Amino acid sequence: MIPRCTPRNADLVFRAIEDETGVPKNEIKGPGKWSSVWLARKMAALVMREVLGGSYPEIGRMIGKDHKSAINAIRAARVALERSEEAVTLYDRIAERVRFGIGDT
């Protein structure tokens, strides 16, 4: 089975992020630009792209933004991964939980 960026699978991402960061789905999808929310949103977008194989428009819809915001979030997440071991650890933990949740381990 190939993972898909469906609402059900996106909810796995949101639950994993909330458990790891404390940022709930409604804040990730909301207008907030606080650093904790923005990091959670970046990680959500990147996991949806790399683990679920979502398109930019799909990811934008899932995070409550447009496709341009999804592209920017993914780019910023990749920069964060290059600069911060903490971001790498966070991404790895979220991605692992999502893979496990969809049975793609």
Protein backbone atom coordinates (compact mmCIF):
# COMPACT_ATOMS: atom_id res chain seq x y z
CA MET A 1 0.00 0.00 0.00
CA ILE A 2 1.30 3.45 -0.92
CA PRO A 3 0.68 6.06 1.79
CA ARG A 4 -1.67 8.86 0.81
CA CYS A 5 -2.21 12.33 2.12
CA THR A 6 -5.79 11.69 3.16
CA PRO A 7 -7.59 13.49 6.00
CA ARG A 8 -7.30 10.29 8.09
CA ASN A 9 -3.54 10.08 7.57
CA ALA A 10 -3.14 13.82 8.08
CA ASP A 11 -4.85 13.38 11.45
CA LEU A 12 -2.09 10.88 12.35
CA VAL A 13 0.41 13.65 11.62
CA PHE A 14 -1.52 16.18 13.71
CA ARG A 15 -1.84 13.77 16.65
CA ALA A 16 1.87 12.91 16.54
CA ILE A 17 2.80 16.59 16.43
CA GLU A 18 0.48 17.45 19.29
CA ASP A 19 1.94 14.63 21.38
CA GLU A 20 5.51 15.70 20.61
CA THR A 21 5.12 19.50 20.76
CA GLY A 22 1.87 20.22 22.57
CA VAL A 23 0.58 22.23 19.60
CA PRO A 24 -2.98 21.12 18.73
CA LYS A 25 -4.38 20.68 15.21
CA ASN A 26 -6.54 23.81 15.39
CA GLU A 27 -3.46 25.95 16.08
CA ILE A 28 -1.45 24.33 13.28
CA LYS A 29 -4.30 25.05 10.87
CA GLY A 30 -4.93 28.51 12.30
CA PRO A 31 -3.37 31.89 11.56
CA GLY A 32 -0.85 31.78 14.43
CA LYS A 33 2.74 32.67 13.67
CA TRP A 34 4.27 31.96 17.08
CA SER A 35 7.51 30.02 16.84
CA SER A 36 6.08 26.85 18.40
CA VAL A 37 3.10 26.85 16.03
CA TRP A 38 5.23 27.67 13.03
CA LEU A 39 7.67 24.83 13.79
CA ALA A 40 4.76 22.41 14.21
CA ARG A 41 3.24 23.58 10.91
CA LYS A 42 6.59 23.17 9.09
CA MET A 43 7.02 19.66 10.43
CA ALA A 44 3.43 18.75 9.54
CA ALA A 45 3.93 19.91 5.97
CA LEU A 46 7.24 18.08 5.59
CA VAL A 47 5.91 14.80 7.00
CA MET A 48 2.85 15.05 4.75
CA ARG A 49 5.16 15.55 1.77
CA GLU A 50 7.87 13.00 2.53
CA VAL A 51 5.96 10.29 4.38
CA LEU A 52 2.48 10.59 2.90
CA GLY A 53 3.54 11.75 -0.56
CA GLY A 54 1.15 14.67 -0.56
CA SER A 55 1.07 17.26 -3.32
CA TYR A 56 1.52 20.90 -2.40
CA PRO A 57 -2.19 21.69 -2.89
CA GLU A 58 -3.18 18.67 -0.75
CA ILE A 59 -0.78 19.68 1.99
CA GLY A 60 -1.96 23.28 1.85
CA ARG A 61 -5.55 22.16 2.36
CA MET A 62 -4.58 19.87 5.23
CA ILE A 63 -2.71 22.63 7.09
CA GLY A 64 -5.38 25.24 6.37
CA LYS A 65 -3.23 27.23 3.96
CA ASP A 66 -2.64 27.46 0.20
CA HIS A 67 -0.09 25.54 -1.86
CA LYS A 68 2.42 28.41 -1.73
CA SER A 69 2.36 28.32 2.05
CA ALA A 70 2.90 24.55 1.92
CA ILE A 71 5.93 25.00 -0.35
CA ASN A 72 7.38 27.66 1.94
CA ALA A 73 6.76 25.56 5.06
CA ILE A 74 8.49 22.55 3.51
CA ARG A 75 11.48 24.62 2.41
CA ALA A 76 11.76 26.15 5.87
CA ALA A 77 11.46 22.72 7.50
CA ARG A 78 14.33 21.41 5.38
CA VAL A 79 16.47 24.39 6.41
CA ALA A 80 15.60 23.73 10.06
CA LEU A 81 16.67 20.10 9.64
CA GLU A 82 20.04 21.22 8.25
CA ARG A 83 20.60 23.62 11.14
CA SER A 84 19.17 21.89 14.18
CA GLU A 85 19.66 18.42 15.61
CA GLU A 86 16.56 19.09 17.73
CA ALA A 87 14.51 19.57 14.54
CA VAL A 88 15.92 16.33 13.11
CA THR A 89 14.95 14.44 16.25
CA LEU A 90 11.46 15.94 16.20
CA TYR A 91 10.97 15.12 12.52
CA ASP A 92 12.22 11.55 12.98
CA ARG A 93 9.90 10.92 15.94
CA ILE A 94 6.86 12.31 14.13
CA ALA A 95 7.62 10.50 10.86
CA GLU A 96 8.16 7.20 12.68
CA ARG A 97 4.83 7.49 14.48
CA VAL A 98 3.02 8.30 11.24
CA ARG A 99 4.67 5.40 9.39
CA PHE A 100 3.71 3.08 12.21
CA GLY A 101 0.17 4.44 12.27
CA ILE A 102 -0.38 3.77 8.57
CA GLY A 103 1.35 0.40 8.68
CA ASP A 104 4.29 1.42 6.50
CA THR A 105 7.13 0.31 8.79
